[in-house]
Amino acid sequence: MNYKALERSIYKLYVFFLPFDRFIEFPFGDFINSILISFSSLLMLLGMVLIIYRGWFYYSNGIRVFCYLCIFMTMYSFIISLLLHSELGVINGEDSFTAIRGDIILYFLALASIYYNYYNLSYNVNFNQLKNIFKTQIIILLIIGYLQLASMSGYSLATNIYTFLSSFLSLKKLEYLVLLDRGVTLFGSEPASVSILCFIIIPYTISQIYCNRKRFGYLIVYVIIYVLFAILFLLSNSTQALISFLVITVVGGIIILRHNIHTYIYILFFSLGLFMAILYSADSFSKTSNMQNKTFAYTIYGKLLDRSNQSTAMRVSTIINDMKVFYENPILGVGNGNQGFFYNKNLPAWTLKSGEVQTIRSGKKGIVNGGGNFFPAYISAFGLVGIIVIILFTNLYIKQYKKSFLQNDINAKIMFQLGIILFLISSWYVVGVKQNETILFLLSLPCVISDDFNQNKKITKL
């Protein structure tokens, strides 16, 4: 059996399904579905089983660094949970040890995804071979996006086609889209889900605009594609989607005009995300907003500051909780997963109208594990100790980036630069790493160096 060909095929399918979430509903129980949040996750696990079966493992320094970070997070959370066990007690049927269990599992799955991308991009698939996959994704996403728009506008042909597709694909039913009265969701659960395109698909489009500056025909094609995506984002009425698209547009413009991204751009957007998280934790919100709900200004910043809008209440409540936990435990943190023990105490009163918030408060889902925002959850879990560790990790990560294949592939380099800048800002208020295969694909790219077979070490069978 040609295992290399099988591995290659599975990985290409993995990349193909990245922007399509589950694609179809899995016929598994709630626990498995909570882990296999995307079809790509299932393919990653299948691919890892094949790698383990073959028994040969390669690694770069980048993979080693990610392993150290994951081990640190696991061991540190266990030690802190041991220290806080009697103090935290039992809430909603969970103690400090059961609370950290979910995050430990999910971060090891994240590490597996990073390794899976590294392994395949190093030894099975050249990054250039993924470009046709990105092009196919663009076509499918635009078709689905404009089908959703046309269906919500009442065009009968589009409605019939979309209703048929949503009968077997993981697309939101038309009744839900009409009730939501906002914008396209593509394969996601809400309009904000569209922002995931800004980590790979939109950066790829910008990279093609940059690389085809002197090829007028190709340039026009990708400019049109970019405009078509821009319309979907502008009509989404999603703050997350619009801000993500604007960040990518601004930074993409800098790349096209200046041909380079300076370090201060990374620092600037990281600082903007931190500033937003601090504002949230200070509860610096207006009580209501006088802006009309569907105006551009309201979508961009009015909704962020509007206490009367409950669509962001759940996400904001976890940011506020994580930041306040960090303020109260700045040195050691509380361990990853234990933030939920402080949720009810730190919950802002204005979020209590949210059904999602009430579900968490009631204890029906145990305790909330640190929210879906990476940086607030991280600093609340590991405190100043964790900040020192992440600084050391970042320094090694940058060194690995400078040796990676990204330095020799302008398309991949532009995609990575755009995606990582968006990650630095959005991970303070909306984006996490757990169960996010798109982000894990992005983070894995610097681990792939130009001549892996000569420079990496090989581990024999386990």
Protein backbone atom coordinates (compact mmCIF):
# COMPACT_ATOMS: atom_id res chain seq x y z
CA MET A 1 0.00 0.00 0.00
CA ASN A 2 1.29 3.47 -0.89
CA TYR A 3 1.08 5.14 2.52
CA LYS A 4 2.70 8.36 1.32
CA ALA A 5 0.01 8.83 -1.33
CA LEU A 6 -2.70 8.11 1.25
CA GLU A 7 -1.19 10.59 3.72
CA ARG A 8 -0.96 13.17 0.97
CA SER A 9 -4.60 12.72 -0.02
CA ILE A 10 -5.87 12.92 3.57
CA TYR A 11 -3.87 16.08 4.20
CA LYS A 12 -5.14 17.81 1.06
CA LEU A 13 -8.68 17.01 2.17
CA TYR A 14 -7.80 18.38 5.63
CA VAL A 15 -6.73 21.71 4.12
CA PHE A 16 -9.70 21.77 1.76
CA PHE A 17 -12.26 21.47 4.59
CA LEU A 18 -10.64 24.14 6.83
CA PRO A 19 -13.16 26.92 6.01
CA PHE A 20 -16.18 24.59 6.00
CA ASP A 21 -16.42 23.76 9.73
CA ARG A 22 -18.29 20.48 10.17
CA PHE A 23 -19.44 20.42 6.52
CA ILE A 24 -21.91 17.70 7.52
CA GLU A 25 -23.31 16.83 10.94
CA PHE A 26 -21.36 13.97 12.52
CA PRO A 27 -23.46 10.99 13.68
CA PHE A 28 -21.68 10.91 17.05
CA GLY A 29 -22.60 11.79 20.61
CA ASP A 30 -22.37 15.26 22.15
CA PHE A 31 -18.94 14.61 23.74
CA ILE A 32 -17.30 13.53 20.47
CA ASN A 33 -19.00 16.34 18.56
CA SER A 34 -17.68 18.85 21.10
CA ILE A 35 -14.13 17.72 20.23
CA LEU A 36 -14.60 17.14 16.49
CA ILE A 37 -15.91 20.63 15.92
CA SER A 38 -14.81 20.53 12.27
CA PHE A 39 -14.45 17.95 9.53
CA SER A 40 -10.76 18.87 9.35
CA SER A 41 -10.36 17.77 12.99
CA LEU A 42 -11.61 14.31 12.08
CA LEU A 43 -9.22 14.11 9.11
CA MET A 44 -6.32 15.28 11.32
CA LEU A 45 -6.98 12.47 13.79
CA LEU A 46 -7.19 9.97 10.95
CA GLY A 47 -3.91 11.29 9.53
CA MET A 48 -2.20 11.13 12.93
CA VAL A 49 -3.31 7.51 13.39
CA LEU A 50 -1.66 6.70 10.07
CA ILE A 51 1.56 8.49 11.10
CA ILE A 52 1.62 6.62 14.41
CA TYR A 53 0.93 3.32 12.64
CA ARG A 54 3.94 3.88 10.38
CA GLY A 55 5.97 4.71 13.46
CA TRP A 56 8.47 7.22 12.08
CA PHE A 57 8.53 10.76 13.43
CA TYR A 58 10.43 13.86 12.41
CA TYR A 59 10.52 17.17 14.22
CA SER A 60 11.97 20.64 13.91
CA ASN A 61 12.93 23.07 16.67
CA GLY A 62 9.57 24.75 16.14
CA ILE A 63 7.72 21.56 17.01
CA ARG A 64 9.97 21.06 20.03
CA VAL A 65 9.08 24.57 21.28
CA PHE A 66 5.34 23.92 20.90
CA CYS A 67 5.76 20.66 22.83
CA TYR A 68 7.52 22.48 25.68
CA LEU A 69 4.75 25.09 25.81
CA CYS A 70 2.03 22.44 25.91
CA ILE A 71 3.83 20.49 28.65
CA PHE A 72 4.31 23.67 30.66
CA MET A 73 0.60 24.54 30.40
CA THR A 74 -0.41 21.04 31.47
CA MET A 75 1.99 20.63 34.40
CA TYR A 76 1.48 24.18 35.65
CA SER A 77 -2.33 23.86 35.59
CA PHE A 78 -2.09 20.59 37.53
CA ILE A 79 0.20 22.11 40.19
CA ILE A 80 -1.98 25.21 40.63
CA SER A 81 -5.10 23.04 40.79
CA LEU A 82 -3.45 21.01 43.54
CA LEU A 83 -2.72 24.20 45.49
CA LEU A 84 -6.22 25.64 44.98
CA HIS A 85 -8.21 22.42 45.34
CA SER A 86 -9.49 22.97 48.86
CA GLU A 87 -9.99 26.71 48.35
CA LEU A 88 -12.06 26.39 45.17
CA GLY A 89 -14.12 23.44 46.38
CA VAL A 90 -16.83 22.04 44.10
CA ILE A 91 -19.04 24.15 41.84
CA ASN A 92 -21.66 22.72 39.46
CA GLY A 93 -20.26 19.25 40.06
CA GLU A 94 -16.66 20.14 39.17
CA ASP A 95 -13.52 20.56 41.24
CA SER A 96 -10.17 22.07 40.22
CA PHE A 97 -8.94 18.80 38.70
CA THR A 98 -11.97 18.04 36.53
CA ALA A 99 -12.10 21.70 35.46
CA ILE A 100 -8.65 21.62 33.85
CA ARG A 101 -9.16 18.24 32.16
CA GLY A 102 -10.95 19.58 29.09
CA ASP A 103 -8.31 22.19 28.30
CA ILE A 104 -5.50 19.66 28.71
CA ILE A 105 -7.13 17.35 26.16
CA LEU A 106 -7.90 20.15 23.72
CA TYR A 107 -4.40 21.65 23.85
CA PHE A 108 -2.81 18.27 23.20
CA LEU A 109 -5.17 17.93 20.22
CA ALA A 110 -4.01 21.39 19.14
CA LEU A 111 -0.39 20.23 19.41
CA ALA A 112 -1.30 17.19 17.29
CA SER A 113 -2.77 19.51 14.63
CA ILE A 114 0.36 21.67 14.56
CA TYR A 115 2.53 18.59 14.20
CA TYR A 116 0.24 17.17 11.51
CA ASN A 117 0.57 20.33 9.42
CA TYR A 118 4.33 20.48 9.95
CA TYR A 119 4.82 16.82 9.01
CA ASN A 120 2.80 17.00 5.80
CA LEU A 121 4.11 20.36 4.59
CA SER A 122 7.64 19.12 5.25
CA TYR A 123 7.51 15.65 3.71
CA ASN A 124 4.33 15.10 1.71
CA VAL A 125 2.88 18.29 0.20
CA ASN A 126 4.62 21.33 -1.20
CA PHE A 127 2.84 24.53 -0.21
CA ASN A 128 2.44 25.44 -3.89
CA GLN A 129 0.25 22.36 -4.28
CA LEU A 130 -2.26 23.93 -1.89
CA LYS A 131 -2.93 26.90 -4.17
CA ASN A 132 -5.43 25.01 -6.30
CA ILE A 133 -7.21 24.02 -3.09
CA PHE A 134 -7.43 27.69 -2.02
CA LYS A 135 -8.84 28.59 -5.45
CA THR A 136 -11.51 25.89 -5.17
CA GLN A 137 -12.41 27.07 -1.68
CA ILE A 138 -12.84 30.62 -2.98
CA ILE A 139 -15.27 29.49 -5.68
CA ILE A 140 -17.36 27.38 -3.27
CA LEU A 141 -17.46 30.07 -0.57
CA LEU A 142 -18.53 32.79 -2.98
CA ILE A 143 -21.27 30.56 -4.43
CA ILE A 144 -22.60 29.69 -0.97
CA GLY A 145 -22.31 33.28 0.25
CA TYR A 146 -24.27 34.78 -2.62
CA LEU A 147 -26.79 31.93 -2.54
CA GLN A 148 -27.47 32.83 1.08
CA LEU A 149 -27.82 36.52 0.22
CA ALA A 150 -30.13 35.82 -2.72
CA SER A 151 -32.21 33.38 -0.67
CA MET A 152 -32.67 35.90 2.14
CA SER A 153 -33.71 38.45 -0.50
CA GLY A 154 -36.48 36.14 -1.66
CA TYR A 155 -35.20 34.94 -5.05
CA SER A 156 -37.03 31.66 -5.62
CA LEU A 157 -34.36 29.86 -7.67
CA ALA A 158 -31.66 30.66 -5.10
CA THR A 159 -34.04 29.64 -2.31
CA ASN A 160 -34.70 26.25 -3.88
CA ILE A 161 -31.01 25.56 -4.50
CA TYR A 162 -29.98 26.67 -1.00
CA THR A 163 -32.78 24.70 0.67
CA PHE A 164 -31.61 21.58 -1.15
CA LEU A 165 -27.95 22.11 -0.18
CA SER A 166 -28.79 22.84 3.46
CA SER A 167 -30.71 19.55 3.66
CA PHE A 168 -27.46 17.57 3.73
CA LEU A 169 -24.65 20.10 4.28
CA SER A 170 -23.90 21.85 7.57
CA LEU A 171 -25.48 25.11 6.44
CA LYS A 172 -27.86 27.17 8.54
CA LYS A 173 -31.46 26.70 7.50
CA LEU A 174 -33.00 29.56 5.54
CA GLU A 175 -35.60 30.13 8.27
CA TYR A 176 -32.77 30.84 10.72
CA LEU A 177 -31.03 33.24 8.33
CA VAL A 178 -34.23 35.18 7.74
CA LEU A 179 -34.97 35.30 11.47
CA LEU A 180 -31.42 36.44 12.17
CA ASP A 181 -31.86 39.24 9.61
CA ARG A 182 -28.14 40.00 9.48
CA GLY A 183 -25.91 38.46 6.85
CA VAL A 184 -24.28 35.36 5.47
CA THR A 185 -22.94 32.69 7.79
CA LEU A 186 -21.41 30.43 5.10
CA PHE A 187 -20.77 27.12 6.90
CA GLY A 188 -20.65 28.74 10.34
CA SER A 189 -23.26 29.11 13.05
CA GLU A 190 -23.53 32.91 12.85
CA PRO A 191 -22.31 35.84 10.71
CA ALA A 192 -19.25 36.27 12.94
CA SER A 193 -18.10 32.85 11.72
CA VAL A 194 -17.25 34.41 8.35
CA SER A 195 -14.27 36.15 9.96
CA ILE A 196 -12.35 32.84 9.87
CA LEU A 197 -11.80 33.53 6.14
CA CYS A 198 -9.54 36.42 7.12
CA PHE A 199 -6.87 34.02 8.36
CA ILE A 200 -6.27 32.10 5.12
CA ILE A 201 -8.66 32.79 2.22
CA ILE A 202 -8.56 36.60 2.24
CA PRO A 203 -4.76 36.65 2.87
CA TYR A 204 -4.33 34.25 -0.07
CA THR A 205 -6.36 36.61 -2.28
CA ILE A 206 -4.20 39.56 -1.21
CA SER A 207 -1.03 37.56 -1.83
CA GLN A 208 -2.23 36.88 -5.38
CA ILE A 209 -2.99 40.57 -5.93
CA TYR A 210 0.54 41.37 -4.76
CA CYS A 211 2.25 38.69 -6.86
CA ASN A 212 0.24 39.48 -10.01
CA ARG A 213 0.77 43.25 -9.97
CA LYS A 214 2.32 43.12 -13.45
CA ARG A 215 -0.05 40.49 -14.89
CA PHE A 216 -3.13 42.58 -15.59
CA GLY A 217 -5.55 39.74 -16.34
CA TYR A 218 -4.81 37.79 -13.14
CA LEU A 219 -4.74 41.03 -11.15
CA ILE A 220 -8.25 41.97 -12.28
CA VAL A 221 -9.56 38.48 -11.43
CA TYR A 222 -8.27 38.61 -7.85
CA VAL A 223 -9.37 42.22 -7.34
CA ILE A 224 -12.89 41.17 -8.38
CA ILE A 225 -12.72 38.22 -5.97
CA TYR A 226 -11.64 40.57 -3.20
CA VAL A 227 -14.51 42.96 -3.94
CA LEU A 228 -17.02 40.09 -3.94
CA PHE A 229 -15.80 39.00 -0.50
CA ALA A 230 -15.84 42.62 0.67
CA ILE A 231 -19.55 42.85 -0.17
CA LEU A 232 -20.29 39.74 1.90
CA PHE A 233 -18.39 41.17 4.86
CA LEU A 234 -19.97 44.62 4.57
CA LEU A 235 -23.45 43.12 4.53
CA SER A 236 -22.77 40.75 7.42
CA ASN A 237 -23.61 43.27 10.16
CA SER A 238 -21.06 41.35 12.24
CA THR A 239 -18.58 43.43 14.22
CA GLN A 240 -16.08 40.59 14.39
CA ALA A 241 -16.23 39.90 10.65
CA LEU A 242 -16.00 43.56 9.68
CA ILE A 243 -13.12 44.40 12.02
CA SER A 244 -11.21 41.32 10.85
CA PHE A 245 -11.72 42.26 7.22
CA LEU A 246 -10.68 45.88 7.83
CA VAL A 247 -7.51 44.80 9.67
CA ILE A 248 -6.56 42.48 6.81
CA THR A 249 -7.35 45.19 4.25
CA VAL A 250 -5.22 47.81 6.02
CA VAL A 251 -2.24 45.51 6.57
CA GLY A 252 -2.63 44.06 3.07
CA GLY A 253 -2.50 47.60 1.68
CA ILE A 254 0.72 48.22 3.60
CA ILE A 255 2.27 45.10 2.08
CA ILE A 256 1.21 46.02 -1.45
CA LEU A 257 2.47 49.60 -1.13
CA ARG A 258 5.55 49.11 1.06
CA HIS A 259 6.46 45.46 0.23
CA ASN A 260 7.29 44.83 3.87
CA ILE A 261 5.86 44.59 7.37
CA HIS A 262 7.89 46.15 10.16
CA THR A 263 7.94 44.83 13.71
CA TYR A 264 6.03 47.83 15.03
CA ILE A 265 2.96 46.75 13.01
CA TYR A 266 2.82 43.48 14.96
CA ILE A 267 3.29 45.34 18.24
CA LEU A 268 0.65 47.92 17.30
CA PHE A 269 -2.10 45.41 16.61
CA PHE A 270 -1.20 43.30 19.64
CA SER A 271 -1.45 46.46 21.77
CA LEU A 272 -4.82 47.37 20.23
CA GLY A 273 -6.17 43.96 21.22
CA LEU A 274 -4.80 44.31 24.75
CA PHE A 275 -6.32 47.81 25.01
CA MET A 276 -9.72 46.46 23.99
CA ALA A 277 -9.54 43.67 26.59
CA ILE A 278 -8.64 46.21 29.29
CA LEU A 279 -11.60 48.39 28.29
CA TYR A 280 -13.90 45.39 28.55
CA SER A 281 -12.59 44.52 32.02
CA ALA A 282 -13.02 48.12 33.15
CA ASP A 283 -16.67 47.84 32.03
CA SER A 284 -16.20 50.96 29.91
CA PHE A 285 -19.49 50.64 28.07
CA SER A 286 -22.27 53.09 27.38
CA LYS A 287 -25.59 51.97 28.81
CA THR A 288 -27.32 52.13 25.43
CA SER A 289 -26.48 53.27 21.96
CA ASN A 290 -28.28 56.02 20.04
CA MET A 291 -26.95 54.68 16.73
CA GLN A 292 -29.20 52.79 14.38
CA ASN A 293 -28.44 49.09 14.58
CA LYS A 294 -27.61 48.50 10.93
CA THR A 295 -25.34 51.46 10.33
CA PHE A 296 -21.67 50.90 9.54
CA ALA A 297 -20.54 52.94 12.56
CA TYR A 298 -22.70 50.90 14.94
CA THR A 299 -21.41 47.61 13.56
CA ILE A 300 -17.77 48.68 13.80
CA TYR A 301 -17.72 50.12 17.30
CA GLY A 302 -21.23 50.91 18.56
CA LYS A 303 -22.09 47.27 19.21
CA LEU A 304 -18.86 46.78 21.16
CA LEU A 305 -19.90 49.50 23.60
CA ASP A 306 -23.63 48.81 23.76
CA ARG A 307 -24.86 47.11 26.92
CA SER A 308 -28.33 46.65 25.43
CA ASN A 309 -27.01 44.40 22.66
CA GLN A 310 -26.90 40.84 24.00
CA SER A 311 -25.32 39.22 20.91
CA THR A 312 -21.83 39.80 22.35
CA ALA A 313 -22.71 39.39 26.05
CA MET A 314 -21.42 35.84 26.43
CA ARG A 315 -18.06 36.53 24.78
CA VAL A 316 -17.60 39.81 26.65
CA SER A 317 -18.45 38.17 29.97
CA THR A 318 -15.64 35.61 29.56
CA ILE A 319 -13.13 38.33 28.64
CA ILE A 320 -14.12 40.36 31.70
CA ASN A 321 -13.88 37.30 33.92
CA ASP A 322 -10.46 36.28 32.59
CA MET A 323 -9.03 39.78 32.93
CA LYS A 324 -10.37 40.20 36.48
CA VAL A 325 -8.99 36.79 37.44
CA PHE A 326 -5.61 37.97 36.18
CA TYR A 327 -5.85 41.24 38.14
CA GLU A 328 -6.59 39.25 41.31
CA ASN A 329 -3.94 36.56 40.66
CA PRO A 330 -1.26 38.39 38.64
CA ILE A 331 1.76 36.30 39.64
CA LEU A 332 0.68 32.66 39.47
CA GLY A 333 -2.75 32.71 37.80
CA VAL A 334 -5.32 30.01 38.58
CA GLY A 335 -4.54 27.27 36.04
CA ASN A 336 -6.16 26.78 32.67
CA GLY A 337 -9.81 25.85 33.17
CA ASN A 338 -10.24 27.12 36.71
CA GLN A 339 -11.33 30.59 35.59
CA GLY A 340 -14.92 29.37 35.65
CA PHE A 341 -14.90 29.19 39.45
CA PHE A 342 -14.85 33.00 39.46
CA TYR A 343 -17.33 33.56 36.63
CA ASN A 344 -20.46 34.32 38.67
CA LYS A 345 -18.54 36.69 40.94
CA ASN A 346 -17.06 38.68 38.05
CA LEU A 347 -20.16 38.65 35.84
CA PRO A 348 -21.32 42.17 34.84
CA ALA A 349 -24.98 42.81 35.65
CA TRP A 350 -25.77 44.00 32.12
CA THR A 351 -24.99 40.53 30.68
CA LEU A 352 -27.64 38.77 32.78
CA LYS A 353 -30.29 39.16 30.07
CA SER A 354 -28.32 36.87 27.78
CA GLY A 355 -29.69 33.33 27.50
CA GLU A 356 -26.16 31.96 26.98
CA VAL A 357 -24.94 33.66 30.14
CA GLN A 358 -27.88 32.32 32.13
CA THR A 359 -27.12 28.79 30.90
CA ILE A 360 -23.57 29.09 32.24
CA ARG A 361 -24.72 30.64 35.52
CA SER A 362 -27.21 27.87 36.08
CA GLY A 363 -24.48 25.26 35.97
CA LYS A 364 -26.13 23.19 33.21
CA LYS A 365 -22.78 23.00 31.41
CA GLY A 366 -20.50 22.75 34.41
CA ILE A 367 -18.24 25.78 34.61
CA VAL A 368 -17.07 27.96 31.72
CA ASN A 369 -13.46 27.16 30.83
CA GLY A 370 -11.63 30.41 30.32
CA GLY A 371 -13.65 31.66 27.35
CA GLY A 372 -12.76 31.40 23.69
CA ASN A 373 -10.17 34.18 23.70
CA PHE A 374 -6.59 32.94 23.86
CA PHE A 375 -4.63 35.75 25.50
CA PRO A 376 -7.05 36.68 28.34
CA ALA A 377 -7.48 32.98 29.15
CA TYR A 378 -3.72 32.44 29.05
CA ILE A 379 -2.71 35.28 31.35
CA SER A 380 -5.50 34.47 33.81
CA ALA A 381 -4.35 30.84 33.86
CA PHE A 382 -0.59 31.34 34.18
CA GLY A 383 -0.10 34.91 35.40
CA LEU A 384 3.30 36.60 35.23
CA VAL A 385 5.01 33.21 35.14
CA GLY A 386 3.09 32.38 31.96
CA ILE A 387 3.88 35.78 30.44
CA ILE A 388 7.61 35.11 30.88
CA VAL A 389 7.17 31.68 29.29
CA ILE A 390 5.22 33.05 26.31
CA ILE A 391 7.89 35.74 25.75
CA LEU A 392 10.57 33.03 25.66
CA PHE A 393 8.37 30.97 23.35
CA THR A 394 7.83 33.96 21.03
CA ASN A 395 11.57 34.61 20.82
CA LEU A 396 12.24 31.00 19.75
CA TYR A 397 9.23 31.08 17.42
CA ILE A 398 10.57 34.18 15.64
CA LYS A 399 13.97 32.52 15.21
CA GLN A 400 12.25 29.50 13.69
CA TYR A 401 10.20 31.77 11.40
CA LYS A 402 13.40 33.32 10.04
CA LYS A 403 14.67 29.85 9.06
CA SER A 404 11.38 28.59 7.65
CA PHE A 405 10.25 28.06 4.08
CA LEU A 406 8.21 31.26 4.43
CA GLN A 407 11.34 33.25 3.63
CA ASN A 408 11.47 31.63 0.17
CA ASP A 409 7.75 31.59 -0.69
CA ILE A 410 6.27 35.07 -1.04
CA ASN A 411 2.65 33.81 -1.19
CA ALA A 412 2.98 31.82 2.01
CA LYS A 413 4.90 34.63 3.71
CA ILE A 414 2.22 37.23 2.97
CA MET A 415 -0.53 34.84 4.09
CA PHE A 416 1.30 34.15 7.35
CA GLN A 417 2.05 37.82 8.05
CA LEU A 418 -1.56 38.88 7.51
CA GLY A 419 -2.99 35.97 9.47
CA ILE A 420 -0.65 36.33 12.44
CA ILE A 421 -1.26 40.09 12.74
CA LEU A 422 -5.01 39.45 12.83
CA PHE A 423 -4.41 36.70 15.40
CA LEU A 424 -2.42 39.08 17.63
CA ILE A 425 -5.31 41.53 17.88
CA SER A 426 -8.34 39.24 17.72
CA SER A 427 -7.05 36.68 20.24
CA TRP A 428 -7.61 39.30 22.93
CA TYR A 429 -11.35 39.47 22.34
CA VAL A 430 -12.69 36.72 20.09
CA VAL A 431 -10.27 34.10 18.71
CA GLY A 432 -8.98 31.02 20.47
CA VAL A 433 -6.57 28.22 19.59
CA LYS A 434 -8.47 25.21 20.89
CA GLN A 435 -10.59 23.44 18.24
CA ASN A 436 -9.58 26.02 15.64
CA GLU A 437 -7.85 24.13 12.83
CA THR A 438 -7.47 27.27 10.70
CA ILE A 439 -5.43 29.04 13.40
CA LEU A 440 -3.41 25.89 14.04
CA PHE A 441 -2.60 25.59 10.33
CA LEU A 442 -1.39 29.19 10.40
CA LEU A 443 0.71 28.76 13.56
CA SER A 444 2.38 25.63 12.18
CA LEU A 445 3.87 27.31 9.09
CA PRO A 446 7.11 28.63 10.71
CA CYS A 447 7.86 25.08 11.90
CA VAL A 448 8.44 24.02 8.29
CA ILE A 449 12.02 24.77 7.29
CA SER A 450 13.39 24.66 3.76
CA ASP A 451 15.41 21.44 4.01
CA ASP A 452 13.74 19.34 6.68
CA PHE A 453 15.17 15.96 5.71
CA ASN A 454 18.72 17.23 6.16
CA GLN A 455 18.18 19.38 9.23
CA ASN A 456 15.58 17.53 11.30
CA LYS A 457 16.10 14.59 13.57
CA LYS A 458 14.25 11.30 13.22
CA ILE A 459 12.81 9.30 16.09
CA THR A 460 12.60 5.56 15.56
CA LYS A 461 9.54 3.44 16.27
CA LEU A 462 7.93 3.96 19.67
